[in-house]
Amino acid sequence: MEYLGLSYLGAGLGAGLVVIGAAMGIGRLASGAIEGMARQPELSGDLRTAMIIAAALIEGFTFFALVITFMLAIQKQQTPVNVEKAEPAAAEEVKK
């Protein structure tokens, strides 16, 4: 049985979830930084730097997760081991 279509479906769903999660994380990050800048404008430089560093970390994790999902989608299909062919060899070893 080939489950290649299911692996593509899983990769698509995984990539979608990763992108949605990253977008939500960066949105909350930017929202908090802008709110902090509005409350204390004198700290806007420090907040901007921290926001850019955190956004870069989120993007890095997102790209890593997308690479993993696509690698799982395009992996070579493994052939199942035929148990019937493996049994005679095991029986010969027991006789020796």
C-alpha atoms as a PDB file:
ATOM      1  CA  MET A   1       0.000   0.000   0.000  1.00  0.00           C
ATOM      2  CA  GLU A   2       1.245   3.432  -0.833  1.00  0.00           C
ATOM      3  CA  TYR A   3       0.618   6.280   1.536  1.00  0.00           C
ATOM      4  CA  LEU A   4       2.395   8.930  -0.527  1.00  0.00           C
ATOM      5  CA  GLY A   5      -0.732  11.073  -0.765  1.00  0.00           C
ATOM      6  CA  LEU A   6      -1.100  11.047   3.005  1.00  0.00           C
ATOM      7  CA  SER A   7       2.491  12.185   3.439  1.00  0.00           C
ATOM      8  CA  TYR A   8       1.832  15.130   1.117  1.00  0.00           C
ATOM      9  CA  LEU A   9      -1.335  15.944   3.020  1.00  0.00           C
ATOM     10  CA  GLY A  10       0.501  15.770   6.339  1.00  0.00           C
ATOM     11  CA  ALA A  11       3.300  17.994   5.047  1.00  0.00           C
ATOM     12  CA  GLY A  12       0.792  20.542   3.797  1.00  0.00           C
ATOM     13  CA  LEU A  13      -1.065  20.596   7.089  1.00  0.00           C
ATOM     14  CA  GLY A  14       2.190  20.769   9.036  1.00  0.00           C
ATOM     15  CA  ALA A  15       3.504  23.648   6.944  1.00  0.00           C
ATOM     16  CA  GLY A  16       0.216  25.499   7.344  1.00  0.00           C
ATOM     17  CA  LEU A  17       0.244  25.082  11.110  1.00  0.00           C
ATOM     18  CA  VAL A  18       3.854  26.245  11.312  1.00  0.00           C
ATOM     19  CA  VAL A  19       3.150  29.376   9.292  1.00  0.00           C
ATOM     20  CA  ILE A  20      -0.005  30.203  11.256  1.00  0.00           C
ATOM     21  CA  GLY A  21       1.844  29.765  14.552  1.00  0.00           C
ATOM     22  CA  ALA A  22       4.727  31.947  13.411  1.00  0.00           C
ATOM     23  CA  ALA A  23       2.370  34.658  12.195  1.00  0.00           C
ATOM     24  CA  MET A  24       0.512  34.669  15.503  1.00  0.00           C
ATOM     25  CA  GLY A  25       3.792  34.808  17.450  1.00  0.00           C
ATOM     26  CA  ILE A  26       5.226  37.679  15.453  1.00  0.00           C
ATOM     27  CA  GLY A  27       1.899  39.520  15.613  1.00  0.00           C
ATOM     28  CA  ARG A  28       1.794  39.294  19.400  1.00  0.00           C
ATOM     29  CA  LEU A  29       5.449  40.288  19.578  1.00  0.00           C
ATOM     30  CA  ALA A  30       4.934  43.383  17.434  1.00  0.00           C
ATOM     31  CA  SER A  31       1.768  44.294  19.315  1.00  0.00           C
ATOM     32  CA  GLY A  32       3.553  44.182  22.661  1.00  0.00           C
ATOM     33  CA  ALA A  33       6.539  46.132  21.366  1.00  0.00           C
ATOM     34  CA  ILE A  34       4.384  48.878  19.860  1.00  0.00           C
ATOM     35  CA  GLU A  35       2.342  49.128  23.058  1.00  0.00           C
ATOM     36  CA  GLY A  36       5.560  49.428  25.064  1.00  0.00           C
ATOM     37  CA  MET A  37       6.844  52.127  22.723  1.00  0.00           C
ATOM     38  CA  ALA A  38       3.593  54.056  23.106  1.00  0.00           C
ATOM     39  CA  ARG A  39       3.816  53.910  26.902  1.00  0.00           C
ATOM     40  CA  GLN A  40       7.502  54.816  27.130  1.00  0.00           C
ATOM     41  CA  PRO A  41       8.789  56.467  23.941  1.00  0.00           C
ATOM     42  CA  GLU A  42      12.280  56.918  25.401  1.00  0.00           C
ATOM     43  CA  LEU A  43      12.788  53.128  25.394  1.00  0.00           C
ATOM     44  CA  SER A  44      11.713  52.649  21.772  1.00  0.00           C
ATOM     45  CA  GLY A  45      15.276  51.897  20.552  1.00  0.00           C
ATOM     46  CA  ASP A  46      15.776  49.095  23.079  1.00  0.00           C
ATOM     47  CA  LEU A  47      12.319  47.664  22.443  1.00  0.00           C
ATOM     48  CA  ARG A  48      12.867  47.731  18.688  1.00  0.00           C
ATOM     49  CA  THR A  49      16.173  45.866  19.045  1.00  0.00           C
ATOM     50  CA  ALA A  50      14.634  43.215  21.290  1.00  0.00           C
ATOM     51  CA  MET A  51      11.677  42.863  18.930  1.00  0.00           C
ATOM     52  CA  ILE A  52      13.896  42.340  15.880  1.00  0.00           C
ATOM     53  CA  ILE A  53      15.991  39.710  17.675  1.00  0.00           C
ATOM     54  CA  ALA A  54      12.893  37.826  18.851  1.00  0.00           C
ATOM     55  CA  ALA A  55      11.305  38.010  15.389  1.00  0.00           C
ATOM     56  CA  ALA A  56      14.491  36.612  13.837  1.00  0.00           C
ATOM     57  CA  LEU A  57      14.440  33.690  16.271  1.00  0.00           C
ATOM     58  CA  ILE A  58      10.794  32.973  15.454  1.00  0.00           C
ATOM     59  CA  GLU A  59      11.527  33.089  11.714  1.00  0.00           C
ATOM     60  CA  GLY A  60      14.518  30.780  12.132  1.00  0.00           C
ATOM     61  CA  PHE A  61      12.417  28.220  13.956  1.00  0.00           C
ATOM     62  CA  THR A  62       9.720  28.549  11.288  1.00  0.00           C
ATOM     63  CA  PHE A  63      12.147  27.862   8.446  1.00  0.00           C
ATOM     64  CA  PHE A  64      13.572  24.874  10.332  1.00  0.00           C
ATOM     65  CA  ALA A  65      10.084  23.422  10.859  1.00  0.00           C
ATOM     66  CA  LEU A  66       9.173  23.977   7.192  1.00  0.00           C
ATOM     67  CA  VAL A  67      12.328  22.198   6.039  1.00  0.00           C
ATOM     68  CA  ILE A  68      11.498  19.240   8.292  1.00  0.00           C
ATOM     69  CA  THR A  69       7.923  19.002   6.971  1.00  0.00           C
ATOM     70  CA  PHE A  70       9.072  19.108   3.350  1.00  0.00           C
ATOM     71  CA  MET A  71      11.787  16.532   4.003  1.00  0.00           C
ATOM     72  CA  LEU A  72       9.162  14.209   5.442  1.00  0.00           C
ATOM     73  CA  ALA A  73       6.950  14.772   2.412  1.00  0.00           C
ATOM     74  CA  ILE A  74       9.572  13.892  -0.196  1.00  0.00           C
ATOM     75  CA  GLN A  75      11.257  11.004   1.569  1.00  0.00           C
ATOM     76  CA  LYS A  76      11.636   7.799  -0.401  1.00  0.00           C
ATOM     77  CA  GLN A  77       8.944   5.208   0.156  1.00  0.00           C
ATOM     78  CA  GLN A  78      10.330   2.275   2.111  1.00  0.00           C
ATOM     79  CA  THR A  79       9.522  -1.204   0.924  1.00  0.00           C
ATOM     80  CA  PRO A  80       8.014  -3.424   3.599  1.00  0.00           C
ATOM     81  CA  VAL A  81       9.991  -6.460   4.724  1.00  0.00           C
ATOM     82  CA  ASN A  82       8.494  -9.713   3.486  1.00  0.00           C
ATOM     83  CA  VAL A  83       8.200 -11.948   6.540  1.00  0.00           C
ATOM     84  CA  GLU A  84       7.683 -15.119   4.497  1.00  0.00           C
ATOM     85  CA  LYS A  85      11.112 -14.822   2.875  1.00  0.00           C
ATOM     86  CA  ALA A  86      12.838 -14.100   6.184  1.00  0.00           C
ATOM     87  CA  GLU A  87      11.457 -17.153   8.025  1.00  0.00           C
ATOM     88  CA  PRO A  88      13.361 -19.965   6.165  1.00  0.00           C
ATOM     89  CA  ALA A  89      16.701 -18.291   6.839  1.00  0.00           C
ATOM     90  CA  ALA A  90      15.858 -18.016  10.523  1.00  0.00           C
ATOM     91  CA  ALA A  91      14.796 -21.669  10.612  1.00  0.00           C
ATOM     92  CA  GLU A  92      18.135 -22.760   9.089  1.00  0.00           C
ATOM     93  CA  GLU A  93      20.046 -20.883  11.787  1.00  0.00           C
ATOM     94  CA  VAL A  94      18.084 -22.656  14.518  1.00  0.00           C
ATOM     95  CA  LYS A  95      18.896 -26.101  13.008  1.00  0.00           C
ATOM     96  CA  LYS A  96      22.653 -25.416  13.081  1.00  0.00           C
END
